[in-house]
Protein backbone atom coordinates (compact mmCIF):
# COMPACT_ATOMS: atom_id res chain seq x y z
CA UNK A 1 90.88 76.53 72.35
CA UNK A 2 93.54 74.68 70.71
CA UNK A 3 96.13 76.14 73.11
CA UNK A 4 93.93 74.59 76.01
CA UNK A 5 93.41 71.33 74.07
CA UNK A 6 97.31 71.35 73.92
CA UNK A 7 97.70 71.83 77.79
CA UNK A 8 95.28 69.26 78.35
CA UNK A 9 96.78 66.56 76.04
CA UNK A 10 100.26 67.75 78.20
CA UNK A 11 98.37 67.22 81.10
CA UNK A 12 97.40 63.61 80.38
CA UNK A 13 100.87 62.56 79.09
CA UNK A 14 102.22 64.10 82.62
CA UNK A 15 99.28 61.94 84.22
CA UNK A 16 100.21 59.26 82.23
CA UNK A 17 103.55 58.77 82.79
CA UNK A 18 102.85 58.90 86.87
CA UNK A 19 103.47 55.57 87.38
CA UNK A 20 106.30 54.19 89.55
CA UNK A 21 108.37 50.86 88.34
CA UNK A 22 109.40 48.35 90.95
CA UNK A 23 106.23 50.08 93.26
CA UNK A 24 106.36 47.60 95.60
CA UNK A 25 109.84 48.30 96.33
CA UNK A 26 108.73 51.58 97.39
CA UNK A 27 108.53 52.53 101.07
CA UNK A 28 105.20 53.85 102.24
CA UNK A 29 105.56 56.75 104.40
CA UNK A 30 102.14 57.63 106.64
CA UNK A 31 101.12 61.13 106.68
CA UNK A 32 98.18 62.06 108.99
CA UNK A 33 96.50 64.84 107.21
CA UNK A 34 92.84 65.87 106.88
CA UNK A 35 91.60 65.35 103.07
CA UNK A 36 91.00 68.15 100.33
CA UNK A 37 87.58 67.61 99.80
CA UNK A 38 86.67 70.32 97.51
CA UNK A 39 84.81 70.38 94.71
CA UNK A 40 86.46 69.54 91.81
CA UNK A 41 88.50 66.99 93.88
CA UNK A 42 87.83 64.67 96.70
CA UNK A 43 91.46 63.37 97.80
CA UNK A 44 95.10 64.83 97.51
CA UNK A 45 96.02 61.23 95.72
CA UNK A 46 93.76 62.78 93.17
CA UNK A 47 95.78 66.19 92.09
CA UNK A 48 98.41 66.90 89.69
CA UNK A 49 100.71 68.39 92.21
CA UNK A 50 100.74 65.39 94.71
CA UNK A 51 100.93 62.97 92.44
CA UNK A 52 103.91 64.57 90.57
CA UNK A 53 105.21 64.65 94.11
CA UNK A 54 105.35 61.35 94.67
CA UNK A 55 106.68 60.94 91.32
CA UNK A 56 109.84 62.69 92.26
CA UNK A 57 109.79 60.53 96.00
CA UNK A 58 110.03 57.22 93.77
CA UNK A 59 113.35 58.13 92.80
CA UNK A 60 114.32 58.18 96.16
CA UNK A 61 112.50 55.02 97.30
CA UNK A 62 109.30 55.80 98.59
CA UNK A 63 105.71 57.37 98.54
CA UNK A 64 103.81 59.92 100.75
CA UNK A 65 100.28 58.45 101.88
CA UNK A 66 97.96 60.22 103.41
CA UNK A 67 96.15 58.51 106.17
CA UNK A 68 93.69 60.13 108.78
CA UNK A 69 90.04 60.03 110.07
CA UNK A 70 86.77 59.90 107.26
CA UNK A 71 85.81 62.83 106.31
CA UNK A 72 83.57 64.82 108.52
CA UNK A 73 84.94 63.00 111.43
CA UNK A 74 86.73 64.85 114.20
CA UNK A 75 90.50 64.82 113.81
CA UNK A 76 90.93 65.51 117.86
CA UNK A 77 88.93 62.49 118.66
CA UNK A 78 90.73 60.32 116.11
CA UNK A 79 93.73 61.76 117.02
CA UNK A 80 93.87 61.07 120.64
CA UNK A 81 92.58 57.86 120.06
CA UNK A 82 94.85 57.14 117.71
CA UNK A 83 97.92 58.20 120.16
CA UNK A 84 96.10 55.85 122.84
CA UNK A 85 96.40 52.82 120.55
CA UNK A 86 100.33 53.34 119.94
CA UNK A 87 100.17 53.21 116.69
CA UNK A 88 101.64 56.05 114.98
CA UNK A 89 102.32 57.44 111.26
CA UNK A 90 105.23 58.65 110.23
CA UNK A 91 104.14 62.12 110.09
CA UNK A 92 101.23 64.34 112.10
CA UNK A 93 99.32 67.49 111.54
CA UNK A 94 97.80 67.68 115.20
CA UNK A 95 97.47 70.68 117.85
CA UNK A 96 99.80 69.25 120.38
CA UNK A 97 99.96 72.64 122.20
CA UNK A 98 95.86 72.80 122.51
CA UNK A 99 94.96 69.30 122.76
CA UNK A 100 97.83 67.42 124.57
CA UNK A 101 98.74 67.70 127.81
CA UNK A 102 101.87 69.46 128.24
CA UNK A 103 101.81 70.31 124.63
CA UNK A 104 104.48 69.57 122.38
CA UNK A 105 107.62 69.38 125.11
CA UNK A 106 105.46 66.75 126.79
CA UNK A 107 104.69 64.88 123.75
CA UNK A 108 108.45 64.34 123.18
CA UNK A 109 109.07 63.58 126.72
CA UNK A 110 105.87 60.68 125.94
CA UNK A 111 107.94 59.43 123.11
CA UNK A 112 105.40 60.55 120.68
CA UNK A 113 107.10 62.88 118.56
CA UNK A 114 110.71 63.30 117.24
CA UNK A 115 112.85 66.05 118.29
CA UNK A 116 114.94 66.68 115.50
CA UNK A 117 117.14 69.66 117.15
CA UNK A 118 118.91 66.20 119.03
CA UNK A 119 119.90 64.77 115.44
CA UNK A 120 123.27 66.77 113.62
CA UNK A 121 121.90 65.64 110.35
CA UNK A 122 118.92 67.23 110.38
CA UNK A 123 120.28 70.85 109.57
CA UNK A 124 122.00 69.12 106.17
CA UNK A 125 118.99 66.87 105.45
CA UNK A 126 116.53 69.26 105.71
CA UNK A 127 118.62 72.55 104.52
CA UNK A 128 115.74 74.27 103.13
CA UNK A 129 113.71 73.92 106.42
CA UNK A 130 116.33 75.44 108.43
CA UNK A 131 116.83 78.00 105.93
CA UNK A 132 113.72 79.60 106.85
CA UNK A 133 115.07 79.26 110.73
CA UNK A 134 118.22 81.02 110.12
CA UNK A 135 116.99 83.41 108.07
CA UNK A 136 113.34 84.51 109.84
CA UNK A 137 113.57 85.33 113.80
CA UNK A 138 109.68 84.65 114.08
CA UNK A 139 110.28 81.32 112.28
CA UNK A 140 112.73 80.46 114.79
CA UNK A 141 111.16 81.37 117.68
CA UNK A 142 107.76 80.00 116.64
CA UNK A 143 109.66 76.59 116.14
CA UNK A 144 112.36 76.04 118.91
CA UNK A 145 110.37 75.24 122.37
CA UNK A 146 111.43 76.89 125.82
CA UNK A 147 113.77 73.70 126.50
CA UNK A 148 115.44 74.22 122.71
CA UNK A 149 113.52 71.30 121.20
CA UNK A 150 112.54 71.28 117.70
CA UNK A 151 109.72 69.20 116.81
CA UNK A 152 107.16 70.96 114.10
CA UNK A 153 107.77 72.08 110.65
CA UNK A 154 105.05 73.97 108.55
CA UNK A 155 103.80 76.84 106.41
CA UNK A 156 105.00 80.01 106.75
CA UNK A 157 104.86 83.50 104.56
CA UNK A 158 107.63 85.50 103.04
CA UNK A 159 105.28 88.05 101.58
CA UNK A 160 103.40 90.43 104.63
CA UNK A 161 101.03 91.31 101.86
CA UNK A 162 98.89 87.63 101.95
CA UNK A 163 98.18 88.69 105.29
CA UNK A 164 94.92 91.03 105.45
CA UNK A 165 92.32 88.47 104.37
CA UNK A 166 89.47 91.13 105.56
CA UNK A 167 87.85 94.17 106.74
CA UNK A 168 85.16 96.97 106.24
CA UNK A 169 84.00 98.15 102.49
CA UNK A 170 81.70 100.53 101.91
CA UNK A 171 79.35 101.84 98.77
CA UNK A 172 81.46 104.68 97.32
CA UNK A 173 78.60 105.34 94.83
CA UNK A 174 76.30 105.82 98.06
CA UNK A 175 78.94 108.52 99.54
CA UNK A 176 79.64 110.34 95.87
CA UNK A 177 75.48 110.76 95.83
CA UNK A 178 75.81 112.58 98.97
CA UNK A 179 78.90 114.47 98.28
CA UNK A 180 80.79 112.64 101.16
CA UNK A 181 84.48 111.35 101.06
CA UNK A 182 85.76 108.13 102.12
CA UNK A 183 85.75 107.94 105.94
CA UNK A 184 89.31 107.86 107.79
CA UNK A 185 88.55 108.86 111.35
CA UNK A 186 85.86 107.29 114.10
CA UNK A 187 83.67 111.35 113.63
CA UNK A 188 84.17 110.44 109.79
CA UNK A 189 82.82 107.10 109.96
CA UNK A 190 80.01 107.92 111.78
CA UNK A 191 79.09 111.10 109.92
CA UNK A 192 78.80 108.84 106.84
CA UNK A 193 76.55 106.23 108.45
CA UNK A 194 73.80 108.76 109.73
CA UNK A 195 73.77 110.58 106.34
CA UNK A 196 73.41 106.91 104.96
CA UNK A 197 70.27 106.86 107.49
CA UNK A 198 68.69 110.08 106.35
CA UNK A 199 69.44 110.97 102.88
CA UNK A 200 68.56 108.29 100.59
CA UNK A 201 71.64 107.10 99.84
CA UNK A 202 71.15 104.46 97.34
CA UNK A 203 68.91 107.08 95.42
CA UNK A 204 65.33 105.00 94.91
CA UNK A 205 63.49 107.85 96.40
CA UNK A 206 62.94 106.09 99.83
CA UNK A 207 64.63 107.66 102.50
CA UNK A 208 64.15 104.88 104.99
CA UNK A 209 65.28 101.63 103.29
CA UNK A 210 68.81 102.00 103.50
CA UNK A 211 71.08 100.03 106.61
CA UNK A 212 74.03 101.97 106.93
CA UNK A 213 76.12 98.93 108.85
CA UNK A 214 75.46 94.94 107.83
CA UNK A 215 76.00 92.13 110.00
CA UNK A 216 74.51 88.88 110.07
CA UNK A 217 74.71 85.57 112.56
CA UNK A 218 77.81 84.00 111.49
CA UNK A 219 78.57 80.50 112.34
CA UNK A 220 78.14 79.84 115.67
CA UNK A 221 77.71 83.41 116.77
CA UNK A 222 81.14 84.41 115.11
CA UNK A 223 78.83 87.62 114.34
CA UNK A 224 79.91 89.31 117.28
CA UNK A 225 83.56 88.50 116.33
CA UNK A 226 83.31 89.56 112.47
CA UNK A 227 81.22 92.38 112.74
CA UNK A 228 80.29 93.86 116.07
CA UNK A 229 83.60 92.98 117.95
CA UNK A 230 85.90 93.52 115.10
CA UNK A 231 84.70 97.06 115.53
CA UNK A 232 86.26 97.47 118.56
CA UNK A 233 89.40 97.68 117.30
CA UNK A 234 88.34 101.27 116.83
CA UNK A 235 88.94 101.82 120.07
CA UNK A 236 92.29 99.94 120.40
CA UNK A 237 90.50 96.64 122.10
CA UNK A 238 89.83 93.21 121.19
CA UNK A 239 86.91 91.82 123.13
CA UNK A 240 87.36 87.99 124.77
CA UNK A 241 90.91 87.28 124.21
CA UNK A 242 94.47 88.51 125.38
CA UNK A 243 95.93 90.96 123.50
CA UNK A 244 98.88 93.24 123.28
CA UNK A 245 98.68 96.94 124.83
CA UNK A 246 99.34 99.39 121.82
CA UNK A 247 101.09 101.95 124.30
CA UNK A 248 103.33 99.45 126.36
CA UNK A 249 103.19 96.59 124.02
CA UNK A 250 102.81 94.37 127.25
CA UNK A 251 99.39 91.83 127.74
CA UNK A 252 95.82 93.09 128.35
CA UNK A 253 92.40 92.56 128.11
CA UNK A 254 89.38 94.84 126.81
CA UNK A 255 88.45 95.50 130.41
CA UNK A 256 92.02 96.37 131.74
CA UNK A 257 93.01 98.94 128.69
CA UNK A 258 93.64 102.33 129.91
CA UNK A 259 91.14 101.24 132.94
CA UNK A 260 88.03 100.04 130.72
CA UNK A 261 87.62 103.24 129.36
CA UNK A 262 88.17 102.20 125.90
CA UNK A 263 85.72 99.53 125.46
CA UNK A 264 83.00 101.51 127.79
CA UNK A 265 83.22 103.89 125.04
CA UNK A 266 82.94 100.82 122.54
CA UNK A 267 80.04 99.39 123.66
CA UNK A 268 78.32 102.73 124.26
CA UNK A 269 78.98 103.30 120.77
CA UNK A 270 77.39 100.20 119.49
CA UNK A 271 74.61 100.38 121.85
CA UNK A 272 73.70 104.22 120.18
CA UNK A 273 73.89 102.87 116.89
CA UNK A 274 71.90 100.27 117.09
CA UNK A 275 69.56 102.25 119.08
CA UNK A 276 69.17 104.92 116.28
CA UNK A 277 69.21 102.46 113.46
CA UNK A 278 72.96 102.68 112.02
CA UNK A 279 74.06 99.33 113.09
CA UNK A 280 71.32 96.72 112.00
CA UNK A 281 70.11 95.44 114.76
CA UNK A 282 69.04 92.06 112.87
CA UNK A 283 72.50 91.19 112.83
CA UNK A 284 71.85 88.94 116.28
CA UNK A 285 69.50 86.77 114.59
CA UNK A 286 70.26 86.99 110.20
CA UNK A 287 72.34 84.64 108.79
CA UNK A 288 75.28 85.32 106.28
CA UNK A 289 72.54 85.16 103.17
CA UNK A 290 70.44 87.58 105.06
CA UNK A 291 73.33 89.80 104.98
CA UNK A 292 74.37 89.15 101.27
CA UNK A 293 70.55 89.91 100.24
CA UNK A 294 70.78 92.91 101.94
CA UNK A 295 74.16 94.26 100.29
CA UNK A 296 72.93 92.57 96.49
CA UNK A 297 69.73 94.31 97.08
CA UNK A 298 71.33 97.89 97.59
CA UNK A 299 70.39 98.48 101.29
CA UNK A 300 73.48 98.10 103.21
CA UNK A 301 76.00 100.97 102.80
CA UNK A 302 78.74 99.53 104.51
CA UNK A 303 79.72 95.83 105.73
CA UNK A 304 82.12 93.50 106.53
CA UNK A 305 84.04 92.10 103.39
CA UNK A 306 86.84 89.41 102.16
CA UNK A 307 88.54 90.96 99.14
CA UNK A 308 87.63 88.04 97.22
CA UNK A 309 84.02 88.05 97.91
CA UNK A 310 84.12 91.99 96.21
CA UNK A 311 83.52 90.95 92.57
CA UNK A 312 80.57 88.96 93.41
CA UNK A 313 79.08 91.26 95.60
CA UNK A 314 79.42 93.78 93.27
CA UNK A 315 78.13 91.42 89.78
CA UNK A 316 75.48 90.70 91.67
CA UNK A 317 74.35 94.67 92.84
CA UNK A 318 74.53 95.97 89.53
CA UNK A 319 72.64 92.94 88.40
CA UNK A 320 69.82 94.04 90.50
CA UNK A 321 70.40 97.83 89.79
CA UNK A 322 69.87 97.01 86.04
CA UNK A 323 66.49 95.50 86.97
CA UNK A 324 65.64 97.79 89.05
CA UNK A 325 66.23 100.82 86.45
CA UNK A 326 66.79 103.51 89.62
CA UNK A 327 70.46 103.94 89.52
CA UNK A 328 73.06 103.59 86.87
CA UNK A 329 74.61 99.92 87.65
CA UNK A 330 77.92 101.14 86.48
CA UNK A 331 78.61 103.14 88.75
CA UNK A 332 77.95 100.37 92.06
CA UNK A 333 81.68 100.24 93.37
CA UNK A 334 82.34 98.02 96.91
CA UNK A 335 85.27 99.68 98.60
CA UNK A 336 87.39 98.23 101.04
CA UNK A 337 88.25 100.73 103.85
CA UNK A 338 91.59 101.30 105.27
CA UNK A 339 91.07 101.01 108.96
CA UNK A 340 89.10 103.27 110.78
CA UNK A 341 91.18 106.02 113.20
CA UNK A 342 89.22 105.95 117.28
CA UNK A 343 90.65 107.86 119.98
CA UNK A 344 94.11 106.65 119.84
CA UNK A 345 94.66 108.09 116.62
CA UNK A 346 95.56 104.77 115.05
CA UNK A 347 94.04 102.82 112.30
CA UNK A 348 94.43 99.37 114.23
CA UNK A 349 93.61 96.25 112.85
CA UNK A 350 91.68 93.41 114.64
CA UNK A 351 93.73 90.46 114.15
CA UNK A 352 96.49 88.74 111.87
CA UNK A 353 93.78 87.77 109.41
CA UNK A 354 93.29 91.80 108.77
CA UNK A 355 96.86 92.97 108.92
CA UNK A 356 100.07 92.60 107.72
CA UNK A 357 102.06 90.37 109.69
CA UNK A 358 104.35 87.87 109.09
CA UNK A 359 103.71 85.39 111.48
CA UNK A 360 105.68 82.00 112.45
CA UNK A 361 105.35 79.16 111.05
CA UNK A 362 102.40 76.84 111.59
CA UNK A 363 103.15 74.52 114.24
CA UNK A 364 101.40 71.65 113.49
CA UNK A 365 103.21 69.28 111.68
CA UNK A 366 105.09 66.71 113.09
CA UNK A 367 107.47 63.41 112.35
CA UNK A 368 106.23 60.98 115.51
CA UNK A 369 109.04 58.61 116.38
CA UNK A 370 107.52 55.94 114.98
CA UNK A 371 109.58 57.34 111.61
CA UNK A 372 112.57 56.77 113.40
CA UNK A 373 111.79 52.74 114.47
CA UNK A 374 110.55 51.73 111.35
CA UNK A 375 113.37 53.26 109.32
CA UNK A 376 111.51 56.35 107.65
CA UNK A 377 113.06 59.12 109.42
CA UNK A 378 115.30 60.21 106.36
CA UNK A 379 112.51 59.71 103.95
CA UNK A 380 110.89 62.16 106.52
CA UNK A 381 113.41 64.80 106.28
CA UNK A 382 113.44 64.14 102.62
CA UNK A 383 110.01 65.18 102.14
CA UNK A 384 110.29 68.48 104.56
CA UNK A 385 112.98 69.45 102.62
CA UNK A 386 111.79 69.37 99.12
CA UNK A 387 108.22 71.44 100.37
CA UNK A 388 110.61 73.84 101.39
CA UNK A 389 112.78 74.08 98.45
CA UNK A 390 112.01 76.52 95.20
CA UNK A 391 110.75 73.16 93.37
CA UNK A 392 108.33 72.01 96.02
CA UNK A 393 106.80 75.52 96.79
CA UNK A 394 106.72 76.02 93.18
CA UNK A 395 105.05 72.63 92.53
CA UNK A 396 102.44 73.20 95.61
CA UNK A 397 101.31 76.53 94.63
CA UNK A 398 101.36 76.89 91.30
CA UNK A 399 101.54 72.90 89.56
CA UNK A 400 103.61 71.93 86.78
CA UNK A 401 105.38 74.43 84.64
CA UNK A 402 104.22 74.05 80.78
CA UNK A 403 101.04 72.84 81.89
CA UNK A 404 99.15 74.42 84.94
CA UNK A 405 101.33 77.76 84.83
CA UNK A 406 103.83 79.65 82.38
CA UNK A 407 106.89 81.69 83.58
CA UNK A 408 106.66 85.25 81.76
CA UNK A 409 110.27 86.45 80.32
CA UNK A 410 110.48 88.85 84.15
CA UNK A 411 110.09 85.79 85.76
CA UNK A 412 106.38 85.95 86.51
CA UNK A 413 104.48 82.95 86.86
CA UNK A 414 100.66 82.82 85.66
CA UNK A 415 98.38 80.07 85.51
CA UNK A 416 97.34 78.72 81.88
CA UNK A 417 93.99 78.27 80.29
CA UNK A 418 94.00 75.02 81.80
CA UNK A 419 92.70 76.74 85.08
CA UNK A 420 91.17 79.87 83.99
CA UNK A 421 88.84 77.71 81.27
CA UNK A 422 87.72 74.47 82.82
CA UNK A 423 85.01 73.12 81.06
CA UNK A 424 83.05 72.16 84.65
CA UNK A 425 84.68 74.43 87.11
CA UNK A 426 85.07 78.03 87.87
CA UNK A 427 88.97 78.90 88.69
CA UNK A 428 88.68 78.66 92.20
CA UNK A 429 87.35 74.94 92.17
CA UNK A 430 89.68 73.88 89.03
CA UNK A 431 92.71 74.88 90.51
CA UNK A 432 92.43 72.48 93.44
CA UNK A 433 92.96 69.63 90.65
CA UNK A 434 95.91 70.74 90.02
CA UNK A 435 97.74 72.71 92.88
CA UNK A 436 97.40 74.20 96.57
CA UNK A 437 97.93 77.97 96.35
CA UNK A 438 95.24 79.00 98.64
CA UNK A 439 95.07 76.86 101.51
CA UNK A 440 97.71 77.07 103.98
CA UNK A 441 97.52 73.35 105.87
CA UNK A 442 100.10 71.88 103.97
CA UNK A 443 104.02 72.54 104.76
CA UNK A 444 105.62 74.96 102.46
CA UNK A 445 106.44 78.61 101.66
CA UNK A 446 103.07 80.30 100.29
CA UNK A 447 103.22 82.41 97.42
CA UNK A 448 101.36 85.92 97.66
CA UNK A 449 101.31 85.56 93.89
CA UNK A 450 99.65 82.36 93.36
CA UNK A 451 97.10 83.17 96.08
CA UNK A 452 96.37 86.57 94.49
CA UNK A 453 95.48 85.09 91.12
CA UNK A 454 92.80 83.31 92.70
CA UNK A 455 91.44 85.76 95.07
CA UNK A 456 92.43 89.40 93.82
CA UNK A 457 91.32 89.41 89.55
CA UNK A 458 89.61 92.73 89.79
CA UNK A 459 90.97 96.03 90.85
CA UNK A 460 88.36 96.31 93.51
CA UNK A 461 89.49 93.29 95.09
CA UNK A 462 93.13 94.96 94.94
CA UNK A 463 91.94 97.86 96.21
CA UNK A 464 89.78 96.04 99.29
CA UNK A 465 93.32 93.73 100.08
CA UNK A 466 95.33 96.76 99.71
CA UNK A 467 93.47 99.09 101.94
CA UNK A 468 92.88 96.35 104.61
CA UNK A 469 96.48 95.70 104.80
CA UNK A 470 97.18 99.60 105.81
CA UNK A 471 96.20 99.27 109.56
CA UNK A 472 98.31 99.24 112.39
CA UNK A 473 99.42 95.32 114.06
CA UNK A 474 100.03 96.74 117.23
CA UNK A 475 97.35 94.92 118.92
CA UNK A 476 98.12 91.47 117.71
CA UNK A 477 100.32 88.90 118.90
CA UNK A 478 103.34 87.08 117.75
CA UNK A 479 102.96 83.41 117.67
CA UNK A 480 103.78 81.94 120.92
CA UNK A 481 102.89 79.03 123.42
CA UNK A 482 101.81 78.92 126.71
CA UNK A 483 103.69 76.09 128.82
CA UNK A 484 100.97 74.22 130.95
CA UNK A 485 100.98 75.98 134.24
CA UNK A 486 100.16 78.94 132.20
CA UNK A 487 97.51 77.13 130.22
CA UNK A 488 96.27 76.04 133.31
CA UNK A 489 96.40 79.05 134.96
CA UNK A 490 94.14 80.74 132.10
CA UNK A 491 91.93 77.99 131.28
CA UNK A 492 91.09 78.42 134.93
CA UNK A 493 89.54 81.73 134.72
CA UNK A 494 88.80 82.94 131.11
CA UNK A 495 85.66 81.16 130.15
CA UNK A 496 84.01 82.43 133.01
CA UNK A 497 85.41 86.03 132.40
CA UNK A 498 84.52 85.91 128.36
CA UNK A 499 81.01 84.80 129.10
CA UNK A 500 80.21 87.30 131.43
CA UNK A 501 81.71 90.24 129.22
CA UNK A 502 80.15 88.71 126.62
CA UNK A 503 76.93 88.95 128.22
CA UNK A 504 76.78 91.97 129.62
CA UNK A 505 78.17 93.58 126.27
CA UNK A 506 75.46 92.27 123.91
CA UNK A 507 72.77 92.95 126.49
CA UNK A 508 74.16 96.69 126.79
CA UNK A 509 74.41 96.93 123.38
CA UNK A 510 70.78 95.85 122.48
CA UNK A 511 69.52 98.25 124.86
CA UNK A 512 68.45 95.35 127.27
CA UNK A 513 70.91 96.79 130.34
CA UNK A 514 72.44 100.88 130.97
CA UNK A 515 75.87 101.35 130.28
CA UNK A 516 76.46 101.51 133.49
CA UNK A 517 76.31 98.15 134.10
CA UNK A 518 80.06 97.80 132.39
CA UNK A 519 81.70 99.77 135.68
CA UNK A 520 80.24 96.81 137.54
CA UNK A 521 81.64 94.00 135.01
CA UNK A 522 84.93 95.58 134.70
CA UNK A 523 85.32 95.24 138.96
CA UNK A 524 83.72 92.05 138.66
CA UNK A 525 85.95 90.62 136.16
CA UNK A 526 89.07 92.01 138.28
CA UNK A 527 87.53 89.71 141.02
CA UNK A 528 86.91 86.90 138.69
CA UNK A 529 90.96 86.55 137.89
CA UNK A 530 92.21 88.82 134.69
CA UNK A 531 94.96 89.80 136.18
CA UNK A 532 95.79 85.54 136.23
CA UNK A 533 95.13 85.27 132.76
CA UNK A 534 96.60 88.27 131.71
CA UNK A 535 99.92 87.15 133.34
CA UNK A 536 99.72 83.64 131.89
CA UNK A 537 100.20 85.26 128.52
CA UNK A 538 102.60 87.55 129.69
CA UNK A 539 105.12 85.23 130.72
CA UNK A 540 104.59 83.50 127.93
CA UNK A 541 105.33 86.67 125.79
CA UNK A 542 108.49 87.46 127.94
CA UNK A 543 109.92 83.85 127.36
CA UNK A 544 109.00 84.18 123.91
CA UNK A 545 111.02 87.38 123.68
CA UNK A 546 114.11 85.92 125.01
CA UNK A 547 113.99 82.81 122.78
């Protein structure tokens, strides 16, 4: 307690010192960016790291001011209105590639954003940002546009471990009760699911109340993505998106990969599992709360799960088991599975958020031409250079040394009691008052250690995170951009194609249409222009490879 009081006193002194002599003389550099809006803090201006950053920038004669739409307003609509007005902020976070006709290159031609590749002084003034461009080919390729211009700066990782955000978890105590091993192959997985259905896996005396595989109706029907659609990776497929053919490395689509055979096997298997009571058919209608209730009430055997959710689910499950009395709560374990191997014999991950993949830098943040016209360009360069320096990354990811974190003798960093024992908030909320380690929407190099300190606090969370990352990323695409012609060709056909595939897929899964319907759908998709959509991605991918 004395140490916590001392840290709070140090914090009070720190915040009290964040005042700027001659503040009226400081240039105000505007940055269009969504506000933080967390439980413990509403604006970045209230956070310790942001205040400390501006204290540092005051020595250079400027301050960063967050501007943008009101909380809850649509950012794309607000940005488009702002761009139409011609009154630009100095820096802007906005997806020009998808929300601006012609993308980033067109925005440069239209005089909206600044191409810093044309400035011979930029590499020196933003040397920390250029270090990433020069050291990491994936960063360079994501930043350099087809015409050689460079306009964006953004967050990136240097540690691939942070990339495995989700996967499937299973109840190992159910496996132990039935004498089953952790499944690795599709054959093993199916054997386990049917055993869960038939053999009273939860041990409560009722062999009919287990739900082997549970899903839910995620926001805007993303349940099909998170549960049913993500299982398609077992068969080397992704649903409703162009992805990489794991055999050739070229672009493909689920109805095209292996002539559609793998996709047909996937849909047929899901239909069988639903009909047999192995996959919870209520995933179409129930919300996430209902899904969680089935997990924590000892009804669900296998389910989609984020690593950081493992412990809270286990705690709730053990509490319910303690109250019910039919099983030892201490044996209950939620275990993150290594992705299941399917017909290809490879444990494919479904996307970048479930794989150890180091992507390119995020490409939403730009300097506008307004910064050039009003004399703020060097301030913007200074901001970017600082954010990618060791000092800047530590400040955003960890906060202030000696107050929010300490450095051990071996060089490792650890959050202080100020974070772990906040009187009003748990650590996951309290951290946002001081640092920003778990969100990727601010430019800097992410810290795996800082992120992990917040998200991986138990052994089972760490196991899930490691296992999720053991899958192959061969289906995943690097970060590349379609030009306007390619985007037009892709968007002209893909919505109708995806709709046709989704409607047939779900109807077949639910037993409303026979599996043979997919043969007609595969032919229909060919006639709808899937080759055109794949071709658009293929040309963009090849151009990316040639950079």
